[in-house]
Amino acid sequence: MKFQWFKPWGWIYRPVSWQAFLLVLLTLLFCLQVFMAVDANSHSVSDTLYGIFPYFVPSWMILYWIASKTSVNLTAPQG
């Protein structure tokens, strides 16, 4: 039996299970680590933004995709 990890909340999804909270936490920690590493070697704000963009956008897109796939009731009959 499968259950919902996320619930739709406007245009985004909010976590409702421990698995969802873990995914959000891991994504935040990953983004924080990338920010710290990029910011340590950048010379300006634009360097930092250009450096984090290739990591932040795909990680949040993957989280959004997982949320969209785990937010529907998968046990409902199809038909």
PDB file of N, CA and C in Angstrom:
ATOM      1  N   MET A   1       0.845  -1.179   0.000  1.00  0.00           N
ATOM      2  CA  MET A   1       0.000   0.000   0.000  1.00  0.00           C
ATOM      3  C   MET A   1       0.889   1.241   0.000  1.00  0.00           C
ATOM      4  N   LYS A   2       0.618   2.143  -0.924  1.00  0.00           N
ATOM      5  CA  LYS A   2       1.397   3.372  -1.022  1.00  0.00           C
ATOM      6  C   LYS A   2       0.575   4.538  -0.499  1.00  0.00           C
ATOM      7  N   PHE A   3       1.266   5.530  -0.001  1.00  0.00           N
ATOM      8  CA  PHE A   3       0.588   6.709   0.522  1.00  0.00           C
ATOM      9  C   PHE A   3       1.285   7.951  -0.007  1.00  0.00           C
ATOM     10  N   GLN A   4       0.671   9.077   0.255  1.00  0.00           N
ATOM     11  CA  GLN A   4       1.183  10.340  -0.265  1.00  0.00           C
ATOM     12  C   GLN A   4       2.372  10.824   0.556  1.00  0.00           C
ATOM     13  N   TRP A   5       3.433  11.242  -0.132  1.00  0.00           N
ATOM     14  CA  TRP A   5       4.572  11.872   0.527  1.00  0.00           C
ATOM     15  C   TRP A   5       4.365  13.381   0.584  1.00  0.00           C
ATOM     16  N   PHE A   6       3.764  13.921  -0.464  1.00  0.00           N
ATOM     17  CA  PHE A   6       3.541  15.360  -0.579  1.00  0.00           C
ATOM     18  C   PHE A   6       2.074  15.624  -0.874  1.00  0.00           C
ATOM     19  N   LYS A   7       1.619  16.824  -0.529  1.00  0.00           N
ATOM     20  CA  LYS A   7       0.272  17.266  -0.890  1.00  0.00           C
ATOM     21  C   LYS A   7       0.396  18.548  -1.694  1.00  0.00           C
ATOM     22  N   PRO A   8      -0.421  18.684  -2.739  1.00  0.00           N
ATOM     23  CA  PRO A   8      -0.390  19.937  -3.502  1.00  0.00           C
ATOM     24  C   PRO A   8      -0.775  21.107  -2.617  1.00  0.00           C
ATOM     25  N   TRP A   9      -0.066  22.220  -2.812  1.00  0.00           N
ATOM     26  CA  TRP A   9      -0.304  23.425  -2.015  1.00  0.00           C
ATOM     27  C   TRP A   9      -0.077  24.615  -2.927  1.00  0.00           C
ATOM     28  N   GLY A  10      -1.104  24.960  -3.666  1.00  0.00           N
ATOM     29  CA  GLY A  10      -0.965  25.999  -4.687  1.00  0.00           C
ATOM     30  C   GLY A  10      -0.146  25.454  -5.850  1.00  0.00           C
ATOM     31  N   TRP A  11       0.930  26.159  -6.190  1.00  0.00           N
ATOM     32  CA  TRP A  11       1.801  25.720  -7.281  1.00  0.00           C
ATOM     33  C   TRP A  11       2.920  24.809  -6.818  1.00  0.00           C
ATOM     34  N   ILE A  12       3.058  24.661  -5.510  1.00  0.00           N
ATOM     35  CA  ILE A  12       4.130  23.828  -4.976  1.00  0.00           C
ATOM     36  C   ILE A  12       3.528  22.664  -4.201  1.00  0.00           C
ATOM     37  N   TYR A  13       4.388  21.856  -3.626  1.00  0.00           N
ATOM     38  CA  TYR A  13       3.957  20.715  -2.830  1.00  0.00           C
ATOM     39  C   TYR A  13       4.554  20.848  -1.440  1.00  0.00           C
ATOM     40  N   ARG A  14       3.774  20.453  -0.441  1.00  0.00           N
ATOM     41  CA  ARG A  14       4.293  20.488   0.922  1.00  0.00           C
ATOM     42  C   ARG A  14       4.456  19.056   1.416  1.00  0.00           C
ATOM     43  N   PRO A  15       5.515  18.803   2.163  1.00  0.00           N
ATOM     44  CA  PRO A  15       5.761  17.440   2.656  1.00  0.00           C
ATOM     45  C   PRO A  15       4.771  17.061   3.749  1.00  0.00           C
ATOM     46  N   VAL A  16       4.319  15.811   3.705  1.00  0.00           N
ATOM     47  CA  VAL A  16       3.389  15.326   4.727  1.00  0.00           C
ATOM     48  C   VAL A  16       3.842  14.013   5.345  1.00  0.00           C
ATOM     49  N   SER A  17       4.981  13.480   4.915  1.00  0.00           N
ATOM     50  CA  SER A  17       5.492  12.237   5.493  1.00  0.00           C
ATOM     51  C   SER A  17       6.962  12.414   5.846  1.00  0.00           C
ATOM     52  N   TRP A  18       7.483  11.489   6.611  1.00  0.00           N
ATOM     53  CA  TRP A  18       8.885  11.599   7.005  1.00  0.00           C
ATOM     54  C   TRP A  18       9.812  11.456   5.805  1.00  0.00           C
ATOM     55  N   GLN A  19       9.411  10.669   4.801  1.00  0.00           N
ATOM     56  CA  GLN A  19      10.228  10.526   3.603  1.00  0.00           C
ATOM     57  C   GLN A  19      10.349  11.854   2.860  1.00  0.00           C
ATOM     58  N   ALA A  20       9.244  12.573   2.789  1.00  0.00           N
ATOM     59  CA  ALA A  20       9.236  13.865   2.112  1.00  0.00           C
ATOM     60  C   ALA A  20      10.078  14.886   2.876  1.00  0.00           C
ATOM     61  N   PHE A  21       9.943  14.906   4.191  1.00  0.00           N
ATOM     62  CA  PHE A  21      10.759  15.823   4.986  1.00  0.00           C
ATOM     63  C   PHE A  21      12.242  15.501   4.842  1.00  0.00           C
ATOM     64  N   LEU A  22      12.584  14.222   4.760  1.00  0.00           N
ATOM     65  CA  LEU A  22      13.970  13.825   4.563  1.00  0.00           C
ATOM     66  C   LEU A  22      14.490  14.298   3.210  1.00  0.00           C
ATOM     67  N   LEU A  23      13.689  14.149   2.161  1.00  0.00           N
ATOM     68  CA  LEU A  23      14.098  14.623   0.844  1.00  0.00           C
ATOM     69  C   LEU A  23      14.308  16.134   0.813  1.00  0.00           C
ATOM     70  N   VAL A  24      13.425  16.868   1.430  1.00  0.00           N
ATOM     71  CA  VAL A  24      13.557  18.326   1.481  1.00  0.00           C
ATOM     72  C   VAL A  24      14.808  18.705   2.271  1.00  0.00           C
ATOM     73  N   LEU A  25      15.038  18.045   3.401  1.00  0.00           N
ATOM     74  CA  LEU A  25      16.214  18.327   4.209  1.00  0.00           C
ATOM     75  C   LEU A  25      17.502  18.018   3.448  1.00  0.00           C
ATOM     76  N   LEU A  26      17.548  16.882   2.750  1.00  0.00           N
ATOM     77  CA  LEU A  26      18.734  16.531   1.973  1.00  0.00           C
ATOM     78  C   LEU A  26      18.983  17.522   0.842  1.00  0.00           C
ATOM     79  N   THR A  27      17.920  17.984   0.214  1.00  0.00           N
ATOM     80  CA  THR A  27      18.065  18.980  -0.845  1.00  0.00           C
ATOM     81  C   THR A  27      18.594  20.296  -0.281  1.00  0.00           C
ATOM     82  N   LEU A  28      18.065  20.715   0.852  1.00  0.00           N
ATOM     83  CA  LEU A  28      18.553  21.938   1.489  1.00  0.00           C
ATOM     84  C   LEU A  28      20.019  21.816   1.900  1.00  0.00           C
ATOM     85  N   LEU A  29      20.394  20.675   2.473  1.00  0.00           N
ATOM     86  CA  LEU A  29      21.784  20.476   2.876  1.00  0.00           C
ATOM     87  C   LEU A  29      22.718  20.456   1.675  1.00  0.00           C
ATOM     88  N   PHE A  30      22.287  19.828   0.589  1.00  0.00           N
ATOM     89  CA  PHE A  30      23.086  19.824  -0.627  1.00  0.00           C
ATOM     90  C   PHE A  30      23.285  21.245  -1.152  1.00  0.00           C
ATOM     91  N   CYS A  31      22.214  22.012  -1.195  1.00  0.00           N
ATOM     92  CA  CYS A  31      22.305  23.392  -1.690  1.00  0.00           C
ATOM     93  C   CYS A  31      23.178  24.248  -0.774  1.00  0.00           C
ATOM     94  N   LEU A  32      23.100  24.031   0.520  1.00  0.00           N
ATOM     95  CA  LEU A  32      23.948  24.773   1.444  1.00  0.00           C
ATOM     96  C   LEU A  32      25.424  24.434   1.224  1.00  0.00           C
ATOM     97  N   GLN A  33      25.723  23.153   1.041  1.00  0.00           N
ATOM     98  CA  GLN A  33      27.093  22.731   0.791  1.00  0.00           C
ATOM     99  C   GLN A  33      27.626  23.335  -0.503  1.00  0.00           C
ATOM    100  N   VAL A  34      26.820  23.314  -1.552  1.00  0.00           N
ATOM    101  CA  VAL A  34      27.240  23.897  -2.825  1.00  0.00           C
ATOM    102  C   VAL A  34      27.455  25.393  -2.669  1.00  0.00           C
ATOM    103  N   PHE A  35      26.558  26.066  -1.981  1.00  0.00           N
ATOM    104  CA  PHE A  35      26.704  27.507  -1.786  1.00  0.00           C
ATOM    105  C   PHE A  35      27.996  27.837  -1.049  1.00  0.00           C
ATOM    106  N   MET A  36      28.290  27.098   0.012  1.00  0.00           N
ATOM    107  CA  MET A  36      29.500  27.361   0.785  1.00  0.00           C
ATOM    108  C   MET A  36      30.755  27.131  -0.054  1.00  0.00           C
ATOM    109  N   ALA A  37      30.776  26.063  -0.854  1.00  0.00           N
ATOM    110  CA  ALA A  37      31.951  25.768  -1.673  1.00  0.00           C
ATOM    111  C   ALA A  37      32.133  26.796  -2.779  1.00  0.00           C
ATOM    112  N   VAL A  38      31.048  27.185  -3.427  1.00  0.00           N
ATOM    113  CA  VAL A  38      31.138  28.150  -4.527  1.00  0.00           C
ATOM    114  C   VAL A  38      31.473  29.537  -3.989  1.00  0.00           C
ATOM    115  N   ASP A  39      30.847  29.914  -2.889  1.00  0.00           N
ATOM    116  CA  ASP A  39      31.055  31.251  -2.343  1.00  0.00           C
ATOM    117  C   ASP A  39      32.485  31.439  -1.821  1.00  0.00           C
ATOM    118  N   ALA A  40      33.109  30.377  -1.384  1.00  0.00           N
ATOM    119  CA  ALA A  40      34.476  30.476  -0.880  1.00  0.00           C
ATOM    120  C   ALA A  40      35.456  30.849  -1.990  1.00  0.00           C
ATOM    121  N   ASN A  41      35.136  30.488  -3.229  1.00  0.00           N
ATOM    122  CA  ASN A  41      36.044  30.741  -4.346  1.00  0.00           C
ATOM    123  C   ASN A  41      35.568  31.830  -5.299  1.00  0.00           C
ATOM    124  N   SER A  42      34.480  32.486  -4.991  1.00  0.00           N
ATOM    125  CA  SER A  42      33.970  33.496  -5.908  1.00  0.00           C
ATOM    126  C   SER A  42      34.436  34.888  -5.482  1.00  0.00           C
ATOM    127  N   HIS A  43      34.432  35.802  -6.441  1.00  0.00           N
ATOM    128  CA  HIS A  43      34.914  37.150  -6.194  1.00  0.00           C
ATOM    129  C   HIS A  43      33.790  38.175  -6.120  1.00  0.00           C
ATOM    130  N   SER A  44      32.582  37.765  -6.499  1.00  0.00           N
ATOM    131  CA  SER A  44      31.460  38.702  -6.468  1.00  0.00           C
ATOM    132  C   SER A  44      30.162  37.925  -6.306  1.00  0.00           C
ATOM    133  N   VAL A  45      29.112  38.685  -6.126  1.00  0.00           N
ATOM    134  CA  VAL A  45      27.787  38.063  -5.994  1.00  0.00           C
ATOM    135  C   VAL A  45      27.405  37.350  -7.284  1.00  0.00           C
ATOM    136  N   SER A  46      27.725  37.950  -8.410  1.00  0.00           N
ATOM    137  CA  SER A  46      27.366  37.320  -9.680  1.00  0.00           C
ATOM    138  C   SER A  46      28.158  36.027  -9.893  1.00  0.00           C
ATOM    139  N   ASP A  47      29.399  35.962  -9.431  1.00  0.00           N
ATOM    140  CA  ASP A  47      30.156  34.709  -9.490  1.00  0.00           C
ATOM    141  C   ASP A  47      29.452  33.619  -8.693  1.00  0.00           C
ATOM    142  N   THR A  48      28.984  33.982  -7.516  1.00  0.00           N
ATOM    143  CA  THR A  48      28.284  33.015  -6.672  1.00  0.00           C
ATOM    144  C   THR A  48      26.999  32.549  -7.341  1.00  0.00           C
ATOM    145  N   LEU A  49      26.222  33.484  -7.885  1.00  0.00           N
ATOM    146  CA  LEU A  49      24.962  33.114  -8.530  1.00  0.00           C
ATOM    147  C   LEU A  49      25.188  32.223  -9.745  1.00  0.00           C
ATOM    148  N   TYR A  50      26.189  32.575 -10.565  1.00  0.00           N
ATOM    149  CA  TYR A  50      26.504  31.744 -11.721  1.00  0.00           C
ATOM    150  C   TYR A  50      27.029  30.376 -11.298  1.00  0.00           C
ATOM    151  N   GLY A  51      27.710  30.304 -10.179  1.00  0.00           N
ATOM    152  CA  GLY A  51      28.260  29.041  -9.714  1.00  0.00           C
ATOM    153  C   GLY A  51      27.230  28.107  -9.119  1.00  0.00           C
ATOM    154  N   ILE A  52      26.241  28.653  -8.409  1.00  0.00           N
ATOM    155  CA  ILE A  52      25.257  27.784  -7.750  1.00  0.00           C
ATOM    156  C   ILE A  52      24.107  27.400  -8.672  1.00  0.00           C
ATOM    157  N   PHE A  53      23.856  28.200  -9.690  1.00  0.00           N
ATOM    158  CA  PHE A  53      22.711  27.958 -10.572  1.00  0.00           C
ATOM    159  C   PHE A  53      22.690  26.539 -11.153  1.00  0.00           C
ATOM    160  N   PRO A  54      23.802  26.014 -11.698  1.00  0.00           N
ATOM    161  CA  PRO A  54      23.746  24.672 -12.297  1.00  0.00           C
ATOM    162  C   PRO A  54      23.476  23.550 -11.295  1.00  0.00           C
ATOM    163  N   TYR A  55      23.595  23.839 -10.011  1.00  0.00           N
ATOM    164  CA  TYR A  55      23.334  22.831  -8.987  1.00  0.00           C
ATOM    165  C   TYR A  55      21.967  23.010  -8.340  1.00  0.00           C
ATOM    166  N   PHE A  56      21.608  24.255  -8.068  1.00  0.00           N
ATOM    167  CA  PHE A  56      20.339  24.522  -7.391  1.00  0.00           C
ATOM    168  C   PHE A  56      19.137  24.155  -8.254  1.00  0.00           C
ATOM    169  N   VAL A  57      19.138  24.611  -9.484  1.00  0.00           N
ATOM    170  CA  VAL A  57      17.964  24.410 -10.341  1.00  0.00           C
ATOM    171  C   VAL A  57      17.666  22.922 -10.567  1.00  0.00           C
ATOM    172  N   PRO A  58      18.642  22.100 -10.972  1.00  0.00           N
ATOM    173  CA  PRO A  58      18.317  20.680 -11.156  1.00  0.00           C
ATOM    174  C   PRO A  58      17.910  19.974  -9.863  1.00  0.00           C
ATOM    175  N   SER A  59      18.532  20.327  -8.744  1.00  0.00           N
ATOM    176  CA  SER A  59      18.170  19.649  -7.501  1.00  0.00           C
ATOM    177  C   SER A  59      16.734  19.966  -7.095  1.00  0.00           C
ATOM    178  N   TRP A  60      16.312  21.237  -7.256  1.00  0.00           N
ATOM    179  CA  TRP A  60      14.932  21.581  -6.919  1.00  0.00           C
ATOM    180  C   TRP A  60      13.948  21.046  -7.958  1.00  0.00           C
ATOM    181  N   MET A  61      14.386  20.939  -9.208  1.00  0.00           N
ATOM    182  CA  MET A  61      13.518  20.341 -10.226  1.00  0.00           C
ATOM    183  C   MET A  61      13.298  18.855  -9.953  1.00  0.00           C
ATOM    184  N   ILE A  62      14.335  18.162  -9.526  1.00  0.00           N
ATOM    185  CA  ILE A  62      14.193  16.744  -9.188  1.00  0.00           C
ATOM    186  C   ILE A  62      13.273  16.581  -7.986  1.00  0.00           C
ATOM    187  N   LEU A  63      13.439  17.431  -6.980  1.00  0.00           N
ATOM    188  CA  LEU A  63      12.549  17.362  -5.820  1.00  0.00           C
ATOM    189  C   LEU A  63      11.104  17.642  -6.215  1.00  0.00           C
ATOM    190  N   TYR A  64      10.898  18.624  -7.081  1.00  0.00           N
ATOM    191  CA  TYR A  64       9.547  18.933  -7.553  1.00  0.00           C
ATOM    192  C   TYR A  64       8.958  17.755  -8.333  1.00  0.00           C
ATOM    193  N   TRP A  65       9.777  17.106  -9.153  1.00  0.00           N
ATOM    194  CA  TRP A  65       9.305  15.958  -9.926  1.00  0.00           C
ATOM    195  C   TRP A  65       8.922  14.808  -8.998  1.00  0.00           C
ATOM    196  N   ILE A  66       9.752  14.534  -8.000  1.00  0.00           N
ATOM    197  CA  ILE A  66       9.425  13.481  -7.032  1.00  0.00           C
ATOM    198  C   ILE A  66       8.144  13.830  -6.291  1.00  0.00           C
ATOM    199  N   ALA A  67       7.997  15.086  -5.903  1.00  0.00           N
ATOM    200  CA  ALA A  67       6.782  15.513  -5.200  1.00  0.00           C
ATOM    201  C   ALA A  67       5.555  15.339  -6.078  1.00  0.00           C
ATOM    202  N   SER A  68       5.666  15.658  -7.360  1.00  0.00           N
ATOM    203  CA  SER A  68       4.507  15.515  -8.242  1.00  0.00           C
ATOM    204  C   SER A  68       4.130  14.049  -8.451  1.00  0.00           C
ATOM    205  N   LYS A  69       5.116  13.168  -8.424  1.00  0.00           N
ATOM    206  CA  LYS A  69       4.837  11.748  -8.626  1.00  0.00           C
ATOM    207  C   LYS A  69       4.338  11.061  -7.360  1.00  0.00           C
ATOM    208  N   THR A  70       4.645  11.596  -6.202  1.00  0.00           N
ATOM    209  CA  THR A  70       4.219  10.967  -4.944  1.00  0.00           C
ATOM    210  C   THR A  70       3.076  11.714  -4.265  1.00  0.00           C
ATOM    211  N   SER A  71       2.454  12.647  -4.966  1.00  0.00           N
ATOM    212  CA  SER A  71       1.367  13.395  -4.340  1.00  0.00           C
ATOM    213  C   SER A  71      -0.013  12.875  -4.724  1.00  0.00           C
ATOM    214  N   VAL A  72      -0.115  12.043  -5.720  1.00  0.00           N
ATOM    215  CA  VAL A  72      -1.417  11.508  -6.112  1.00  0.00           C
ATOM    216  C   VAL A  72      -1.692  10.229  -5.341  1.00  0.00           C
ATOM    217  N   ASN A  73      -2.946   9.897  -5.209  1.00  0.00           N
ATOM    218  CA  ASN A  73      -3.325   8.678  -4.530  1.00  0.00           C
ATOM    219  C   ASN A  73      -3.095   7.501  -5.472  1.00  0.00           C
ATOM    220  N   LEU A  74      -2.029   6.751  -5.244  1.00  0.00           N
ATOM    221  CA  LEU A  74      -1.665   5.661  -6.145  1.00  0.00           C
ATOM    222  C   LEU A  74      -2.519   4.395  -5.937  1.00  0.00           C
ATOM    223  N   THR A  75      -3.294   4.346  -4.855  1.00  0.00           N
ATOM    224  CA  THR A  75      -4.117   3.176  -4.609  1.00  0.00           C
ATOM    225  C   THR A  75      -5.528   3.324  -5.170  1.00  0.00           C
ATOM    226  N   ALA A  76      -5.839   4.468  -5.733  1.00  0.00           N
ATOM    227  CA  ALA A  76      -7.170   4.672  -6.303  1.00  0.00           C
ATOM    228  C   ALA A  76      -7.322   3.844  -7.578  1.00  0.00           C
ATOM    229  N   PRO A  77      -8.493   3.286  -7.810  1.00  0.00           N
ATOM    230  CA  PRO A  77      -8.684   2.491  -9.021  1.00  0.00           C
ATOM    231  C   PRO A  77      -8.590   3.360 -10.275  1.00  0.00           C
ATOM    232  N   GLN A  78      -7.931   2.852 -11.267  1.00  0.00           N
ATOM    233  CA  GLN A  78      -7.795   3.557 -12.541  1.00  0.00           C
ATOM    234  C   GLN A  78      -8.980   3.193 -13.444  1.00  0.00           C
ATOM    235  N   GLY A  79      -9.539   4.146 -14.106  1.00  0.00           N
ATOM    236  CA  GLY A  79     -10.616   3.762 -14.982  1.00  0.00           C
ATOM    237  C   GLY A  79     -11.467   4.859 -15.320  1.00  0.00           C
TER     238      GLY A  79
END
